[in-house]
């Protein structure tokens, strides 16, 4: 059984026991979060697709950790102008483990 959920402006295909990193959620470590924007649920050949979401379907996930991703380096350079700008970015994330899918 798997589901397609939407959180943080992105879509994820999840199954029970999966661990994934999503955009930061406002929950403490160890809390259980219900993700209600479920776009699709499939159980073998039984596939339910929402328009755009399924009513009554939800995915329960446990917050494992909060963290920051690897640094991405951005360099802006203009030739012959004595101009060079270097920046970095680290994206915050929340790591969750999928506990159950209902719907």
PDB file of N, CA and C in Angstrom:
ATOM      1  N   UNK A   1       0.852  -1.182   0.000  1.00  0.00           N
ATOM      2  CA  UNK A   1       0.000   0.000   0.000  1.00  0.00           C
ATOM      3  C   UNK A   1       0.889   1.234   0.000  1.00  0.00           C
ATOM      4  N   UNK A   2       0.566   2.184  -0.871  1.00  0.00           N
ATOM      5  CA  UNK A   2       1.315   3.428  -0.905  1.00  0.00           C
ATOM      6  C   UNK A   2       0.368   4.586  -1.170  1.00  0.00           C
ATOM      7  N   UNK A   3       0.886   5.796  -0.946  1.00  0.00           N
ATOM      8  CA  UNK A   3       0.084   6.996  -1.155  1.00  0.00           C
ATOM      9  C   UNK A   3       0.969   8.087  -1.744  1.00  0.00           C
ATOM     10  N   UNK A   4       0.326   9.037  -2.381  1.00  0.00           N
ATOM     11  CA  UNK A   4       1.010  10.233  -2.861  1.00  0.00           C
ATOM     12  C   UNK A   4       0.478  11.391  -2.033  1.00  0.00           C
ATOM     13  N   UNK A   5       1.398  12.068  -1.324  1.00  0.00           N
ATOM     14  CA  UNK A   5       0.993  13.177  -0.457  1.00  0.00           C
ATOM     15  C   UNK A   5       1.632  14.472  -0.942  1.00  0.00           C
ATOM     16  N   UNK A   6       1.077  15.568  -0.481  1.00  0.00           N
ATOM     17  CA  UNK A   6       1.608  16.885  -0.819  1.00  0.00           C
ATOM     18  C   UNK A   6       1.898  17.625   0.476  1.00  0.00           C
ATOM     19  N   UNK A   7       3.132  18.090   0.625  1.00  0.00           N
ATOM     20  CA  UNK A   7       3.510  18.898   1.777  1.00  0.00           C
ATOM     21  C   UNK A   7       4.666  19.796   1.385  1.00  0.00           C
ATOM     22  N   UNK A   8       4.614  21.030   1.832  1.00  0.00           N
ATOM     23  CA  UNK A   8       5.685  21.971   1.530  1.00  0.00           C
ATOM     24  C   UNK A   8       5.788  22.311   0.058  1.00  0.00           C
ATOM     25  N   UNK A   9       4.681  22.185  -0.687  1.00  0.00           N
ATOM     26  CA  UNK A   9       4.703  22.510  -2.102  1.00  0.00           C
ATOM     27  C   UNK A   9       5.286  21.417  -2.982  1.00  0.00           C
ATOM     28  N   UNK A  10       5.583  20.259  -2.413  1.00  0.00           N
ATOM     29  CA  UNK A  10       6.148  19.148  -3.172  1.00  0.00           C
ATOM     30  C   UNK A  10       5.282  17.913  -2.972  1.00  0.00           C
ATOM     31  N   UNK A  11       5.405  16.967  -3.889  1.00  0.00           N
ATOM     32  CA  UNK A  11       4.645  15.729  -3.804  1.00  0.00           C
ATOM     33  C   UNK A  11       5.604  14.570  -3.553  1.00  0.00           C
ATOM     34  N   UNK A  12       5.187  13.623  -2.708  1.00  0.00           N
ATOM     35  CA  UNK A  12       6.011  12.480  -2.334  1.00  0.00           C
ATOM     36  C   UNK A  12       5.195  11.204  -2.441  1.00  0.00           C
ATOM     37  N   UNK A  13       5.830  10.135  -2.922  1.00  0.00           N
ATOM     38  CA  UNK A  13       5.218   8.803  -2.927  1.00  0.00           C
ATOM     39  C   UNK A  13       5.732   8.091  -1.686  1.00  0.00           C
ATOM     40  N   UNK A  14       4.828   7.713  -0.789  1.00  0.00           N
ATOM     41  CA  UNK A  14       5.238   7.153   0.497  1.00  0.00           C
ATOM     42  C   UNK A  14       4.549   5.817   0.745  1.00  0.00           C
ATOM     43  N   UNK A  15       5.230   4.973   1.503  1.00  0.00           N
ATOM     44  CA  UNK A  15       4.678   3.708   1.971  1.00  0.00           C
ATOM     45  C   UNK A  15       4.971   3.624   3.462  1.00  0.00           C
ATOM     46  N   UNK A  16       4.323   2.697   4.138  1.00  0.00           N
ATOM     47  CA  UNK A  16       4.525   2.560   5.577  1.00  0.00           C
ATOM     48  C   UNK A  16       5.966   2.169   5.864  1.00  0.00           C
ATOM     49  N   UNK A  17       6.585   2.873   6.819  1.00  0.00           N
ATOM     50  CA  UNK A  17       7.970   2.605   7.192  1.00  0.00           C
ATOM     51  C   UNK A  17       8.987   3.467   6.467  1.00  0.00           C
ATOM     52  N   UNK A  18       8.566   4.235   5.461  1.00  0.00           N
ATOM     53  CA  UNK A  18       9.494   5.101   4.729  1.00  0.00           C
ATOM     54  C   UNK A  18       9.940   6.267   5.596  1.00  0.00           C
ATOM     55  N   UNK A  19      11.176   6.698   5.384  1.00  0.00           N
ATOM     56  CA  UNK A  19      11.705   7.913   6.013  1.00  0.00           C
ATOM     57  C   UNK A  19      12.007   8.911   4.915  1.00  0.00           C
ATOM     58  N   UNK A  20      11.553  10.147   5.091  1.00  0.00           N
ATOM     59  CA  UNK A  20      11.836  11.146   4.086  1.00  0.00           C
ATOM     60  C   UNK A  20      12.022  12.506   4.731  1.00  0.00           C
ATOM     61  N   UNK A  21      12.692  13.362   3.986  1.00  0.00           N
ATOM     62  CA  UNK A  21      12.946  14.731   4.437  1.00  0.00           C
ATOM     63  C   UNK A  21      12.002  15.666   3.711  1.00  0.00           C
ATOM     64  N   UNK A  22      11.219  16.405   4.482  1.00  0.00           N
ATOM     65  CA  UNK A  22      10.252  17.343   3.921  1.00  0.00           C
ATOM     66  C   UNK A  22      10.597  18.742   4.411  1.00  0.00           C
ATOM     67  N   UNK A  23       9.919  19.743   3.854  1.00  0.00           N
ATOM     68  CA  UNK A  23      10.102  21.108   4.321  1.00  0.00           C
ATOM     69  C   UNK A  23       9.750  21.181   5.806  1.00  0.00           C
ATOM     70  N   UNK A  24      10.316  22.123   6.511  1.00  0.00           N
ATOM     71  CA  UNK A  24      10.184  22.222   7.955  1.00  0.00           C
ATOM     72  C   UNK A  24       8.720  22.241   8.405  1.00  0.00           C
ATOM     73  N   UNK A  25       8.400  21.364   9.349  1.00  0.00           N
ATOM     74  CA  UNK A  25       7.065  21.313   9.955  1.00  0.00           C
ATOM     75  C   UNK A  25       7.161  21.853  11.377  1.00  0.00           C
ATOM     76  N   UNK A  26       6.096  22.494  11.832  1.00  0.00           N
ATOM     77  CA  UNK A  26       6.100  23.050  13.182  1.00  0.00           C
ATOM     78  C   UNK A  26       5.610  21.995  14.171  1.00  0.00           C
ATOM     79  N   UNK A  27       6.470  21.027  14.442  1.00  0.00           N
ATOM     80  CA  UNK A  27       6.173  19.969  15.404  1.00  0.00           C
ATOM     81  C   UNK A  27       7.480  19.575  16.080  1.00  0.00           C
ATOM     82  N   UNK A  28       7.384  19.120  17.311  1.00  0.00           N
ATOM     83  CA  UNK A  28       8.581  18.714  18.046  1.00  0.00           C
ATOM     84  C   UNK A  28       8.975  17.292  17.668  1.00  0.00           C
ATOM     85  N   UNK A  29      10.233  16.956  17.962  1.00  0.00           N
ATOM     86  CA  UNK A  29      10.713  15.603  17.700  1.00  0.00           C
ATOM     87  C   UNK A  29       9.930  14.616  18.549  1.00  0.00           C
ATOM     88  N   UNK A  30       9.514  13.511  17.936  1.00  0.00           N
ATOM     89  CA  UNK A  30       8.736  12.498  18.627  1.00  0.00           C
ATOM     90  C   UNK A  30       7.234  12.670  18.472  1.00  0.00           C
ATOM     91  N   UNK A  31       6.790  13.838  18.010  1.00  0.00           N
ATOM     92  CA  UNK A  31       5.355  14.065  17.806  1.00  0.00           C
ATOM     93  C   UNK A  31       4.863  13.319  16.567  1.00  0.00           C
ATOM     94  N   UNK A  32       3.559  13.063  16.541  1.00  0.00           N
ATOM     95  CA  UNK A  32       2.928  12.460  15.370  1.00  0.00           C
ATOM     96  C   UNK A  32       2.172  13.542  14.618  1.00  0.00           C
ATOM     97  N   UNK A  33       2.393  13.600  13.317  1.00  0.00           N
ATOM     98  CA  UNK A  33       1.792  14.615  12.461  1.00  0.00           C
ATOM     99  C   UNK A  33       0.849  13.917  11.491  1.00  0.00           C
ATOM    100  N   UNK A  34      -0.344  14.487  11.278  1.00  0.00           N
ATOM    101  CA  UNK A  34      -1.270  13.953  10.286  1.00  0.00           C
ATOM    102  C   UNK A  34      -1.185  14.796   9.027  1.00  0.00           C
ATOM    103  N   UNK A  35      -0.847  14.149   7.922  1.00  0.00           N
ATOM    104  CA  UNK A  35      -0.788  14.823   6.629  1.00  0.00           C
ATOM    105  C   UNK A  35      -2.100  14.533   5.906  1.00  0.00           C
ATOM    106  N   UNK A  36      -2.908  15.572   5.705  1.00  0.00           N
ATOM    107  CA  UNK A  36      -4.247  15.371   5.173  1.00  0.00           C
ATOM    108  C   UNK A  36      -4.350  15.643   3.679  1.00  0.00           C
ATOM    109  N   UNK A  37      -3.340  16.237   3.075  1.00  0.00           N
ATOM    110  CA  UNK A  37      -3.375  16.469   1.631  1.00  0.00           C
ATOM    111  C   UNK A  37      -2.886  15.216   0.908  1.00  0.00           C
ATOM    112  N   UNK A  38      -3.779  14.231   0.799  1.00  0.00           N
ATOM    113  CA  UNK A  38      -3.465  12.963   0.143  1.00  0.00           C
ATOM    114  C   UNK A  38      -4.057  13.019  -1.258  1.00  0.00           C
ATOM    115  N   UNK A  39      -3.204  12.874  -2.268  1.00  0.00           N
ATOM    116  CA  UNK A  39      -3.638  12.976  -3.656  1.00  0.00           C
ATOM    117  C   UNK A  39      -4.065  11.630  -4.233  1.00  0.00           C
ATOM    118  N   UNK A  40      -3.453  10.542  -3.740  1.00  0.00           N
ATOM    119  CA  UNK A  40      -3.761   9.224  -4.275  1.00  0.00           C
ATOM    120  C   UNK A  40      -3.425   8.154  -3.245  1.00  0.00           C
ATOM    121  N   UNK A  41      -4.222   7.096  -3.198  1.00  0.00           N
ATOM    122  CA  UNK A  41      -3.949   5.938  -2.350  1.00  0.00           C
ATOM    123  C   UNK A  41      -4.103   4.694  -3.216  1.00  0.00           C
ATOM    124  N   UNK A  42      -3.108   3.809  -3.168  1.00  0.00           N
ATOM    125  CA  UNK A  42      -3.159   2.573  -3.951  1.00  0.00           C
ATOM    126  C   UNK A  42      -2.906   1.386  -3.035  1.00  0.00           C
ATOM    127  N   UNK A  43      -3.759   0.366  -3.165  1.00  0.00           N
ATOM    128  CA  UNK A  43      -3.605  -0.872  -2.419  1.00  0.00           C
ATOM    129  C   UNK A  43      -3.748  -2.008  -3.422  1.00  0.00           C
ATOM    130  N   UNK A  44      -2.626  -2.428  -4.006  1.00  0.00           N
ATOM    131  CA  UNK A  44      -2.676  -3.432  -5.056  1.00  0.00           C
ATOM    132  C   UNK A  44      -3.299  -2.846  -6.311  1.00  0.00           C
ATOM    133  N   UNK A  45      -4.396  -3.466  -6.782  1.00  0.00           N
ATOM    134  CA  UNK A  45      -5.084  -2.963  -7.973  1.00  0.00           C
ATOM    135  C   UNK A  45      -6.149  -1.920  -7.637  1.00  0.00           C
ATOM    136  N   UNK A  46      -6.430  -1.731  -6.355  1.00  0.00           N
ATOM    137  CA  UNK A  46      -7.419  -0.745  -5.919  1.00  0.00           C
ATOM    138  C   UNK A  46      -6.742   0.613  -5.792  1.00  0.00           C
ATOM    139  N   UNK A  47      -6.988   1.489  -6.775  1.00  0.00           N
ATOM    140  CA  UNK A  47      -6.354   2.808  -6.802  1.00  0.00           C
ATOM    141  C   UNK A  47      -7.434   3.870  -6.680  1.00  0.00           C
ATOM    142  N   UNK A  48      -7.259   4.774  -5.713  1.00  0.00           N
ATOM    143  CA  UNK A  48      -8.187   5.893  -5.526  1.00  0.00           C
ATOM    144  C   UNK A  48      -7.429   7.181  -5.802  1.00  0.00           C
ATOM    145  N   UNK A  49      -7.964   7.986  -6.706  1.00  0.00           N
ATOM    146  CA  UNK A  49      -7.337   9.252  -7.080  1.00  0.00           C
ATOM    147  C   UNK A  49      -8.277  10.378  -6.708  1.00  0.00           C
ATOM    148  N   UNK A  50      -7.747  11.404  -6.052  1.00  0.00           N
ATOM    149  CA  UNK A  50      -8.557  12.540  -5.634  1.00  0.00           C
ATOM    150  C   UNK A  50      -8.660  13.594  -6.710  1.00  0.00           C
ATOM    151  N   UNK A  51      -9.565  14.532  -6.509  1.00  0.00           N
ATOM    152  CA  UNK A  51      -9.715  15.628  -7.451  1.00  0.00           C
ATOM    153  C   UNK A  51      -9.834  16.938  -6.690  1.00  0.00           C
ATOM    154  N   UNK A  52      -8.817  17.583  -6.201  1.00  0.00           N
ATOM    155  CA  UNK A  52      -7.410  17.181  -6.242  1.00  0.00           C
ATOM    156  C   UNK A  52      -6.995  16.298  -5.065  1.00  0.00           C
ATOM    157  N   UNK A  53      -7.751  16.310  -3.949  1.00  0.00           N
ATOM    158  CA  UNK A  53      -7.358  15.473  -2.810  1.00  0.00           C
ATOM    159  C   UNK A  53      -8.483  14.502  -2.471  1.00  0.00           C
ATOM    160  N   UNK A  54      -8.127  13.457  -1.749  1.00  0.00           N
ATOM    161  CA  UNK A  54      -9.109  12.468  -1.302  1.00  0.00           C
ATOM    162  C   UNK A  54      -9.725  12.922   0.020  1.00  0.00           C
ATOM    163  N   UNK A  55     -11.028  12.919   0.094  1.00  0.00           N
ATOM    164  CA  UNK A  55     -11.721  13.297   1.327  1.00  0.00           C
ATOM    165  C   UNK A  55     -11.616  12.157   2.336  1.00  0.00           C
ATOM    166  N   UNK A  56     -11.220  12.472   3.543  1.00  0.00           N
ATOM    167  CA  UNK A  56     -11.141  11.477   4.605  1.00  0.00           C
ATOM    168  C   UNK A  56      -9.862  10.675   4.637  1.00  0.00           C
ATOM    169  N   UNK A  57      -9.001  10.836   3.646  1.00  0.00           N
ATOM    170  CA  UNK A  57      -7.742  10.097   3.631  1.00  0.00           C
ATOM    171  C   UNK A  57      -6.683  10.879   4.394  1.00  0.00           C
ATOM    172  N   UNK A  58      -5.833  10.162   5.129  1.00  0.00           N
ATOM    173  CA  UNK A  58      -4.751  10.833   5.851  1.00  0.00           C
ATOM    174  C   UNK A  58      -3.584   9.880   6.046  1.00  0.00           C
ATOM    175  N   UNK A  59      -2.425  10.479   6.221  1.00  0.00           N
ATOM    176  CA  UNK A  59      -1.193   9.735   6.449  1.00  0.00           C
ATOM    177  C   UNK A  59      -0.627  10.208   7.779  1.00  0.00           C
ATOM    178  N   UNK A  60      -0.346   9.268   8.683  1.00  0.00           N
ATOM    179  CA  UNK A  60       0.237   9.596   9.985  1.00  0.00           C
ATOM    180  C   UNK A  60       1.745   9.412   9.891  1.00  0.00           C
ATOM    181  N   UNK A  61       2.480  10.425  10.337  1.00  0.00           N
ATOM    182  CA  UNK A  61       3.936  10.387  10.281  1.00  0.00           C
ATOM    183  C   UNK A  61       4.512  10.848  11.611  1.00  0.00           C
ATOM    184  N   UNK A  62       5.609  10.228  12.014  1.00  0.00           N
ATOM    185  CA  UNK A  62       6.283  10.581  13.260  1.00  0.00           C
ATOM    186  C   UNK A  62       7.494  11.440  12.930  1.00  0.00           C
ATOM    187  N   UNK A  63       7.641  12.566  13.635  1.00  0.00           N
ATOM    188  CA  UNK A  63       8.778  13.460  13.418  1.00  0.00           C
ATOM    189  C   UNK A  63      10.002  12.838  14.080  1.00  0.00           C
ATOM    190  N   UNK A  64      11.015  12.541  13.268  1.00  0.00           N
ATOM    191  CA  UNK A  64      12.225  11.906  13.768  1.00  0.00           C
ATOM    192  C   UNK A  64      13.254  12.959  14.163  1.00  0.00           C
ATOM    193  N   UNK A  65      13.469  13.952  13.297  1.00  0.00           N
ATOM    194  CA  UNK A  65      14.498  14.956  13.578  1.00  0.00           C
ATOM    195  C   UNK A  65      14.271  16.196  12.731  1.00  0.00           C
ATOM    196  N   UNK A  66      14.856  17.290  13.189  1.00  0.00           N
ATOM    197  CA  UNK A  66      14.946  18.530  12.414  1.00  0.00           C
ATOM    198  C   UNK A  66      16.410  18.725  12.079  1.00  0.00           C
ATOM    199  N   UNK A  67      16.687  19.337  10.943  1.00  0.00           N
ATOM    200  CA  UNK A  67      18.081  19.555  10.583  1.00  0.00           C
ATOM    201  C   UNK A  67      18.222  20.539   9.448  1.00  0.00           C
ATOM    202  N   UNK A  68      19.467  20.623   8.977  1.00  0.00           N
ATOM    203  CA  UNK A  68      19.784  21.496   7.852  1.00  0.00           C
ATOM    204  C   UNK A  68      20.551  20.697   6.821  1.00  0.00           C
ATOM    205  N   UNK A  69      20.229  20.921   5.564  1.00  0.00           N
ATOM    206  CA  UNK A  69      20.858  20.184   4.473  1.00  0.00           C
ATOM    207  C   UNK A  69      22.290  20.624   4.223  1.00  0.00           C
ATOM    208  N   UNK A  70      22.911  19.986   3.228  1.00  0.00           N
ATOM    209  CA  UNK A  70      24.274  20.330   2.852  1.00  0.00           C
ATOM    210  C   UNK A  70      24.302  21.715   2.226  1.00  0.00           C
ATOM    211  N   UNK A  71      25.420  22.387   2.338  1.00  0.00           N
ATOM    212  CA  UNK A  71      25.544  23.735   1.808  1.00  0.00           C
ATOM    213  C   UNK A  71      25.619  23.714   0.285  1.00  0.00           C
ATOM    214  N   UNK A  72      24.831  24.583  -0.326  1.00  0.00           N
ATOM    215  CA  UNK A  72      24.872  24.798  -1.766  1.00  0.00           C
ATOM    216  C   UNK A  72      25.581  26.131  -1.976  1.00  0.00           C
ATOM    217  N   UNK A  73      26.622  26.125  -2.791  1.00  0.00           N
ATOM    218  CA  UNK A  73      27.402  27.337  -3.039  1.00  0.00           C
ATOM    219  C   UNK A  73      26.918  27.996  -4.325  1.00  0.00           C
ATOM    220  N   UNK A  74      26.680  29.306  -4.244  1.00  0.00           N
ATOM    221  CA  UNK A  74      26.243  30.088  -5.394  1.00  0.00           C
ATOM    222  C   UNK A  74      27.345  31.090  -5.699  1.00  0.00           C
ATOM    223  N   UNK A  75      27.829  31.117  -6.936  1.00  0.00           N
ATOM    224  CA  UNK A  75      28.858  32.068  -7.340  1.00  0.00           C
ATOM    225  C   UNK A  75      28.332  32.853  -8.530  1.00  0.00           C
ATOM    226  N   UNK A  76      28.319  34.180  -8.395  1.00  0.00           N
ATOM    227  CA  UNK A  76      27.938  35.049  -9.499  1.00  0.00           C
ATOM    228  C   UNK A  76      29.202  35.768  -9.955  1.00  0.00           C
ATOM    229  N   UNK A  77      29.459  35.716 -11.238  1.00  0.00           N
ATOM    230  CA  UNK A  77      30.722  36.231 -11.768  1.00  0.00           C
ATOM    231  C   UNK A  77      30.449  36.967 -13.071  1.00  0.00           C
ATOM    232  N   UNK A  78      31.025  38.180 -13.193  1.00  0.00           N
ATOM    233  CA  UNK A  78      30.919  38.926 -14.444  1.00  0.00           C
ATOM    234  C   UNK A  78      32.329  39.153 -14.980  1.00  0.00           C
ATOM    235  N   UNK A  79      32.549  38.707 -16.169  1.00  0.00           N
ATOM    236  CA  UNK A  79      33.888  38.803 -16.728  1.00  0.00           C
ATOM    237  C   UNK A  79      34.262  40.255 -17.024  1.00  0.00           C
ATOM    238  N   UNK A  80      35.528  40.566 -16.841  1.00  0.00           N
ATOM    239  CA  UNK A  80      36.139  41.871 -17.136  1.00  0.00           C
ATOM    240  C   UNK A  80      35.561  43.025 -16.325  1.00  0.00           C
ATOM    241  N   UNK A  81      34.773  42.786 -15.297  1.00  0.00           N
ATOM    242  CA  UNK A  81      34.141  43.868 -14.537  1.00  0.00           C
ATOM    243  C   UNK A  81      34.644  43.921 -13.097  1.00  0.00           C
ATOM    244  N   UNK A  82      35.579  43.083 -12.734  1.00  0.00           N
ATOM    245  CA  UNK A  82      36.103  43.014 -11.369  1.00  0.00           C
ATOM    246  C   UNK A  82      34.960  42.775 -10.382  1.00  0.00           C
ATOM    247  N   UNK A  83      34.073  41.833 -10.743  1.00  0.00           N
ATOM    248  CA  UNK A  83      32.892  41.549  -9.928  1.00  0.00           C
ATOM    249  C   UNK A  83      32.796  40.044  -9.684  1.00  0.00           C
ATOM    250  N   UNK A  84      32.728  39.675  -8.425  1.00  0.00           N
ATOM    251  CA  UNK A  84      32.545  38.270  -8.058  1.00  0.00           C
ATOM    252  C   UNK A  84      31.784  38.247  -6.753  1.00  0.00           C
ATOM    253  N   UNK A  85      30.688  37.505  -6.710  1.00  0.00           N
ATOM    254  CA  UNK A  85      29.863  37.436  -5.514  1.00  0.00           C
ATOM    255  C   UNK A  85      29.667  35.953  -5.184  1.00  0.00           C
ATOM    256  N   UNK A  86      29.964  35.580  -3.949  1.00  0.00           N
ATOM    257  CA  UNK A  86      29.847  34.187  -3.535  1.00  0.00           C
ATOM    258  C   UNK A  86      28.913  34.100  -2.326  1.00  0.00           C
ATOM    259  N   UNK A  87      27.928  33.197  -2.433  1.00  0.00           N
ATOM    260  CA  UNK A  87      26.958  33.021  -1.361  1.00  0.00           C
ATOM    261  C   UNK A  87      26.761  31.534  -1.113  1.00  0.00           C
ATOM    262  N   UNK A  88      26.182  31.225   0.026  1.00  0.00           N
ATOM    263  CA  UNK A  88      25.861  29.839   0.343  1.00  0.00           C
ATOM    264  C   UNK A  88      24.451  29.754   0.911  1.00  0.00           C
ATOM    265  N   UNK A  89      23.873  28.541   0.841  1.00  0.00           N
ATOM    266  CA  UNK A  89      22.516  28.343   1.353  1.00  0.00           C
ATOM    267  C   UNK A  89      22.403  26.937   1.929  1.00  0.00           C
ATOM    268  N   UNK A  90      21.784  26.834   3.109  1.00  0.00           N
ATOM    269  CA  UNK A  90      21.475  25.538   3.709  1.00  0.00           C
ATOM    270  C   UNK A  90      19.990  25.513   4.005  1.00  0.00           C
ATOM    271  N   UNK A  91      19.280  24.556   3.411  1.00  0.00           N
ATOM    272  CA  UNK A  91      17.833  24.464   3.557  1.00  0.00           C
ATOM    273  C   UNK A  91      17.470  23.685   4.820  1.00  0.00           C
ATOM    274  N   UNK A  92      16.526  24.207   5.597  1.00  0.00           N
ATOM    275  CA  UNK A  92      16.023  23.496   6.773  1.00  0.00           C
ATOM    276  C   UNK A  92      15.107  22.360   6.333  1.00  0.00           C
ATOM    277  N   UNK A  93      15.083  21.272   7.091  1.00  0.00           N
ATOM    278  CA  UNK A  93      14.203  20.155   6.779  1.00  0.00           C
ATOM    279  C   UNK A  93      13.714  19.494   8.057  1.00  0.00           C
ATOM    280  N   UNK A  94      12.675  18.691   7.905  1.00  0.00           N
ATOM    281  CA  UNK A  94      12.165  17.845   8.973  1.00  0.00           C
ATOM    282  C   UNK A  94      12.156  16.418   8.443  1.00  0.00           C
ATOM    283  N   UNK A  95      12.778  15.511   9.177  1.00  0.00           N
ATOM    284  CA  UNK A  95      12.791  14.112   8.774  1.00  0.00           C
ATOM    285  C   UNK A  95      11.627  13.404   9.461  1.00  0.00           C
ATOM    286  N   UNK A  96      10.785  12.740   8.654  1.00  0.00           N
ATOM    287  CA  UNK A  96       9.613  12.056   9.184  1.00  0.00           C
ATOM    288  C   UNK A  96       9.632  10.585   8.775  1.00  0.00           C
ATOM    289  N   UNK A  97       8.989   9.753   9.605  1.00  0.00           N
ATOM    290  CA  UNK A  97       8.838   8.343   9.297  1.00  0.00           C
ATOM    291  C   UNK A  97       7.340   8.060   9.188  1.00  0.00           C
ATOM    292  N   UNK A  98       6.933   7.444   8.088  1.00  0.00           N
ATOM    293  CA  UNK A  98       5.522   7.179   7.831  1.00  0.00           C
ATOM    294  C   UNK A  98       5.075   5.999   8.702  1.00  0.00           C
ATOM    295  N   UNK A  99       4.042   6.223   9.508  1.00  0.00           N
ATOM    296  CA  UNK A  99       3.537   5.174  10.403  1.00  0.00           C
ATOM    297  C   UNK A  99       2.346   4.434   9.827  1.00  0.00           C
ATOM    298  N   UNK A 100       1.384   5.175   9.266  1.00  0.00           N
ATOM    299  CA  UNK A 100       0.183   4.515   8.730  1.00  0.00           C
ATOM    300  C   UNK A 100      -0.431   5.346   7.619  1.00  0.00           C
ATOM    301  N   UNK A 101      -1.147   4.625   6.743  1.00  0.00           N
ATOM    302  CA  UNK A 101      -1.877   5.255   5.640  1.00  0.00           C
ATOM    303  C   UNK A 101      -3.320   4.785   5.757  1.00  0.00           C
ATOM    304  N   UNK A 102      -4.260   5.743   5.799  1.00  0.00           N
ATOM    305  CA  UNK A 102      -5.667   5.364   5.851  1.00  0.00           C
ATOM    306  C   UNK A 102      -6.416   6.113   4.764  1.00  0.00           C
ATOM    307  N   UNK A 103      -7.363   5.442   4.147  1.00  0.00           N
ATOM    308  CA  UNK A 103      -8.120   6.095   3.102  1.00  0.00           C
ATOM    309  C   UNK A 103      -8.577   5.090   2.112  1.00  0.00           C
TER     310      UNK A 103
END
